[in-house]
Amino acid sequence: MAVVAGLLATVSGAGSQTLAGLPPVTVPAVAAGEARPVPAWTEFCARYG
């Protein structure tokens, strides 16, 4: 699906963002504690996975 959207953007004349349009580089976030999935995502996977 993303490939089709990319092709459509190219054909329609829409271009990609230039480097000047991107935000400046920042310091990465520091990990603090254990990472766990969002409870709704866990429930979704249990239901439909």
PDB file of N, CA and C in Angstrom:
ATOM      1  N   MET A   1       0.826  -1.195   0.000  1.00  0.00           N
ATOM      2  CA  MET A   1       0.000   0.000   0.000  1.00  0.00           C
ATOM      3  C   MET A   1       0.864   1.251   0.000  1.00  0.00           C
ATOM      4  N   ALA A   2       1.939   1.260   0.801  1.00  0.00           N
ATOM      5  CA  ALA A   2       2.821   2.423   0.855  1.00  0.00           C
ATOM      6  C   ALA A   2       3.502   2.648  -0.485  1.00  0.00           C
ATOM      7  N   VAL A   3       3.806   1.550  -1.181  1.00  0.00           N
ATOM      8  CA  VAL A   3       4.452   1.669  -2.493  1.00  0.00           C
ATOM      9  C   VAL A   3       3.516   2.358  -3.471  1.00  0.00           C
ATOM     10  N   VAL A   4       2.258   1.978  -3.441  1.00  0.00           N
ATOM     11  CA  VAL A   4       1.271   2.590  -4.337  1.00  0.00           C
ATOM     12  C   VAL A   4       1.138   4.073  -4.024  1.00  0.00           C
ATOM     13  N   ALA A   5       1.083   4.420  -2.741  1.00  0.00           N
ATOM     14  CA  ALA A   5       0.980   5.826  -2.350  1.00  0.00           C
ATOM     15  C   ALA A   5       2.210   6.596  -2.803  1.00  0.00           C
ATOM     16  N   GLY A   6       3.377   5.985  -2.680  1.00  0.00           N
ATOM     17  CA  GLY A   6       4.611   6.627  -3.119  1.00  0.00           C
ATOM     18  C   GLY A   6       4.629   6.852  -4.615  1.00  0.00           C
ATOM     19  N   LEU A   7       4.155   5.855  -5.363  1.00  0.00           N
ATOM     20  CA  LEU A   7       4.094   5.997  -6.818  1.00  0.00           C
ATOM     21  C   LEU A   7       3.102   7.074  -7.223  1.00  0.00           C
ATOM     22  N   LEU A   8       1.969   7.119  -6.548  1.00  0.00           N
ATOM     23  CA  LEU A   8       0.979   8.148  -6.856  1.00  0.00           C
ATOM     24  C   LEU A   8       1.526   9.536  -6.554  1.00  0.00           C
ATOM     25  N   ALA A   9       2.264   9.676  -5.462  1.00  0.00           N
ATOM     26  CA  ALA A   9       2.851  10.967  -5.113  1.00  0.00           C
ATOM     27  C   ALA A   9       3.866  11.390  -6.160  1.00  0.00           C
ATOM     28  N   THR A  10       4.638  10.434  -6.665  1.00  0.00           N
ATOM     29  CA  THR A  10       5.640  10.737  -7.685  1.00  0.00           C
ATOM     30  C   THR A  10       4.973  11.149  -8.986  1.00  0.00           C
ATOM     31  N   VAL A  11       3.954  10.421  -9.384  1.00  0.00           N
ATOM     32  CA  VAL A  11       3.257  10.702 -10.641  1.00  0.00           C
ATOM     33  C   VAL A  11       2.508  12.028 -10.556  1.00  0.00           C
ATOM     34  N   SER A  12       1.940  12.337  -9.394  1.00  0.00           N
ATOM     35  CA  SER A  12       1.142  13.554  -9.259  1.00  0.00           C
ATOM     36  C   SER A  12       1.996  14.803  -9.119  1.00  0.00           C
ATOM     37  N   GLY A  13       3.318  14.641  -8.990  1.00  0.00           N
ATOM     38  CA  GLY A  13       4.187  15.799  -8.877  1.00  0.00           C
ATOM     39  C   GLY A  13       4.533  16.159  -7.446  1.00  0.00           C
ATOM     40  N   ALA A  14       3.958  15.483  -6.485  1.00  0.00           N
ATOM     41  CA  ALA A  14       4.294  15.751  -5.089  1.00  0.00           C
ATOM     42  C   ALA A  14       5.693  15.223  -4.822  1.00  0.00           C
ATOM     43  N   GLY A  15       6.512  16.030  -4.192  1.00  0.00           N
ATOM     44  CA  GLY A  15       7.886  15.617  -3.925  1.00  0.00           C
ATOM     45  C   GLY A  15       8.104  15.313  -2.464  1.00  0.00           C
ATOM     46  N   SER A  16       9.267  14.785  -2.181  1.00  0.00           N
ATOM     47  CA  SER A  16       9.601  14.495  -0.793  1.00  0.00           C
ATOM     48  C   SER A  16      10.088  15.762  -0.105  1.00  0.00           C
ATOM     49  N   GLN A  17      10.124  15.704   1.201  1.00  0.00           N
ATOM     50  CA  GLN A  17      10.568  16.836   2.004  1.00  0.00           C
ATOM     51  C   GLN A  17      12.069  17.034   1.828  1.00  0.00           C
ATOM     52  N   THR A  18      12.513  18.266   1.767  1.00  0.00           N
ATOM     53  CA  THR A  18      13.947  18.533   1.674  1.00  0.00           C
ATOM     54  C   THR A  18      14.561  18.464   3.066  1.00  0.00           C
ATOM     55  N   LEU A  19      15.876  18.359   3.129  1.00  0.00           N
ATOM     56  CA  LEU A  19      16.548  18.323   4.426  1.00  0.00           C
ATOM     57  C   LEU A  19      16.287  19.590   5.216  1.00  0.00           C
ATOM     58  N   ALA A  20      16.139  20.719   4.545  1.00  0.00           N
ATOM     59  CA  ALA A  20      15.879  21.979   5.237  1.00  0.00           C
ATOM     60  C   ALA A  20      14.520  21.958   5.926  1.00  0.00           C
ATOM     61  N   GLY A  21      13.600  21.136   5.438  1.00  0.00           N
ATOM     62  CA  GLY A  21      12.273  21.066   6.024  1.00  0.00           C
ATOM     63  C   GLY A  21      12.180  20.155   7.231  1.00  0.00           C
ATOM     64  N   LEU A  22      13.246  19.431   7.535  1.00  0.00           N
ATOM     65  CA  LEU A  22      13.231  18.505   8.662  1.00  0.00           C
ATOM     66  C   LEU A  22      13.629  19.218   9.949  1.00  0.00           C
ATOM     67  N   PRO A  23      13.136  18.764  11.095  1.00  0.00           N
ATOM     68  CA  PRO A  23      13.516  19.391  12.365  1.00  0.00           C
ATOM     69  C   PRO A  23      14.983  19.116  12.683  1.00  0.00           C
ATOM     70  N   PRO A  24      15.588  19.952  13.523  1.00  0.00           N
ATOM     71  CA  PRO A  24      16.994  19.734  13.875  1.00  0.00           C
ATOM     72  C   PRO A  24      17.166  18.455  14.695  1.00  0.00           C
ATOM     73  N   VAL A  25      18.354  17.904  14.657  1.00  0.00           N
ATOM     74  CA  VAL A  25      18.664  16.692  15.412  1.00  0.00           C
ATOM     75  C   VAL A  25      18.662  17.033  16.898  1.00  0.00           C
ATOM     76  N   THR A  26      18.066  16.163  17.695  1.00  0.00           N
ATOM     77  CA  THR A  26      18.020  16.379  19.143  1.00  0.00           C
ATOM     78  C   THR A  26      18.717  15.230  19.858  1.00  0.00           C
ATOM     79  N   VAL A  27      18.872  15.386  21.153  1.00  0.00           N
ATOM     80  CA  VAL A  27      19.487  14.343  21.970  1.00  0.00           C
ATOM     81  C   VAL A  27      18.473  13.211  22.126  1.00  0.00           C
ATOM     82  N   PRO A  28      18.901  11.948  21.962  1.00  0.00           N
ATOM     83  CA  PRO A  28      17.967  10.830  22.118  1.00  0.00           C
ATOM     84  C   PRO A  28      17.402  10.750  23.543  1.00  0.00           C
ATOM     85  N   ALA A  29      16.211  10.223  23.657  1.00  0.00           N
ATOM     86  CA  ALA A  29      15.587  10.042  24.964  1.00  0.00           C
ATOM     87  C   ALA A  29      16.329   8.959  25.740  1.00  0.00           C
ATOM     88  N   VAL A  30      16.431   9.151  27.032  1.00  0.00           N
ATOM     89  CA  VAL A  30      17.101   8.179  27.894  1.00  0.00           C
ATOM     90  C   VAL A  30      16.065   7.171  28.381  1.00  0.00           C
ATOM     91  N   ALA A  31      16.401   5.897  28.300  1.00  0.00           N
ATOM     92  CA  ALA A  31      15.493   4.848  28.770  1.00  0.00           C
ATOM     93  C   ALA A  31      15.373   4.920  30.287  1.00  0.00           C
ATOM     94  N   ALA A  32      14.146   4.789  30.770  1.00  0.00           N
ATOM     95  CA  ALA A  32      13.915   4.819  32.209  1.00  0.00           C
ATOM     96  C   ALA A  32      12.845   3.798  32.559  1.00  0.00           C
ATOM     97  N   GLY A  33      13.247   2.651  33.051  1.00  0.00           N
ATOM     98  CA  GLY A  33      12.290   1.636  33.458  1.00  0.00           C
ATOM     99  C   GLY A  33      12.012   0.617  32.376  1.00  0.00           C
ATOM    100  N   GLU A  34      11.081  -0.244  32.692  1.00  0.00           N
ATOM    101  CA  GLU A  34      10.728  -1.346  31.803  1.00  0.00           C
ATOM    102  C   GLU A  34       9.712  -0.882  30.761  1.00  0.00           C
ATOM    103  N   ALA A  35       9.886  -1.319  29.529  1.00  0.00           N
ATOM    104  CA  ALA A  35       8.934  -0.996  28.463  1.00  0.00           C
ATOM    105  C   ALA A  35       7.906  -2.113  28.360  1.00  0.00           C
ATOM    106  N   ARG A  36       6.642  -1.732  28.312  1.00  0.00           N
ATOM    107  CA  ARG A  36       5.554  -2.695  28.170  1.00  0.00           C
ATOM    108  C   ARG A  36       4.603  -2.206  27.094  1.00  0.00           C
ATOM    109  N   PRO A  37       3.922  -3.132  26.408  1.00  0.00           N
ATOM    110  CA  PRO A  37       2.976  -2.710  25.372  1.00  0.00           C
ATOM    111  C   PRO A  37       1.757  -2.015  25.983  1.00  0.00           C
ATOM    112  N   VAL A  38       1.097  -1.228  25.179  1.00  0.00           N
ATOM    113  CA  VAL A  38      -0.131  -0.561  25.599  1.00  0.00           C
ATOM    114  C   VAL A  38      -1.174  -1.646  25.868  1.00  0.00           C
ATOM    115  N   PRO A  39      -1.897  -1.571  26.996  1.00  0.00           N
ATOM    116  CA  PRO A  39      -2.883  -2.615  27.323  1.00  0.00           C
ATOM    117  C   PRO A  39      -3.900  -2.881  26.205  1.00  0.00           C
ATOM    118  N   ALA A  40      -4.339  -1.849  25.509  1.00  0.00           N
ATOM    119  CA  ALA A  40      -5.308  -2.054  24.424  1.00  0.00           C
ATOM    120  C   ALA A  40      -4.703  -2.886  23.298  1.00  0.00           C
ATOM    121  N   TRP A  41      -3.412  -2.720  23.047  1.00  0.00           N
ATOM    122  CA  TRP A  41      -2.743  -3.495  21.998  1.00  0.00           C
ATOM    123  C   TRP A  41      -2.669  -4.962  22.412  1.00  0.00           C
ATOM    124  N   THR A  42      -2.357  -5.222  23.667  1.00  0.00           N
ATOM    125  CA  THR A  42      -2.299  -6.588  24.180  1.00  0.00           C
ATOM    126  C   THR A  42      -3.667  -7.257  24.048  1.00  0.00           C
ATOM    127  N   GLU A  43      -4.726  -6.523  24.386  1.00  0.00           N
ATOM    128  CA  GLU A  43      -6.085  -7.065  24.280  1.00  0.00           C
ATOM    129  C   GLU A  43      -6.446  -7.337  22.819  1.00  0.00           C
ATOM    130  N   PHE A  44      -6.076  -6.429  21.926  1.00  0.00           N
ATOM    131  CA  PHE A  44      -6.347  -6.610  20.496  1.00  0.00           C
ATOM    132  C   PHE A  44      -5.678  -7.878  19.980  1.00  0.00           C
ATOM    133  N   CYS A  45      -4.403  -8.071  20.352  1.00  0.00           N
ATOM    134  CA  CYS A  45      -3.658  -9.250  19.894  1.00  0.00           C
ATOM    135  C   CYS A  45      -4.257 -10.538  20.455  1.00  0.00           C
ATOM    136  N   ALA A  46      -4.705 -10.498  21.705  1.00  0.00           N
ATOM    137  CA  ALA A  46      -5.318 -11.676  22.309  1.00  0.00           C
ATOM    138  C   ALA A  46      -6.632 -12.020  21.600  1.00  0.00           C
ATOM    139  N   ARG A  47      -7.353 -10.996  21.188  1.00  0.00           N
ATOM    140  CA  ARG A  47      -8.645 -11.201  20.555  1.00  0.00           C
ATOM    141  C   ARG A  47      -8.532 -11.656  19.099  1.00  0.00           C
ATOM    142  N   TYR A  48      -7.636 -11.029  18.343  1.00  0.00           N
ATOM    143  CA  TYR A  48      -7.597 -11.252  16.900  1.00  0.00           C
ATOM    144  C   TYR A  48      -6.321 -11.922  16.407  1.00  0.00           C
ATOM    145  N   GLY A  49      -5.384 -12.229  17.292  1.00  0.00           N
ATOM    146  CA  GLY A  49      -4.088 -12.765  16.866  1.00  0.00           C
ATOM    147  C   GLY A  49      -4.020 -14.207  16.689  1.00  0.00           C
TER     148      GLY A  49
END
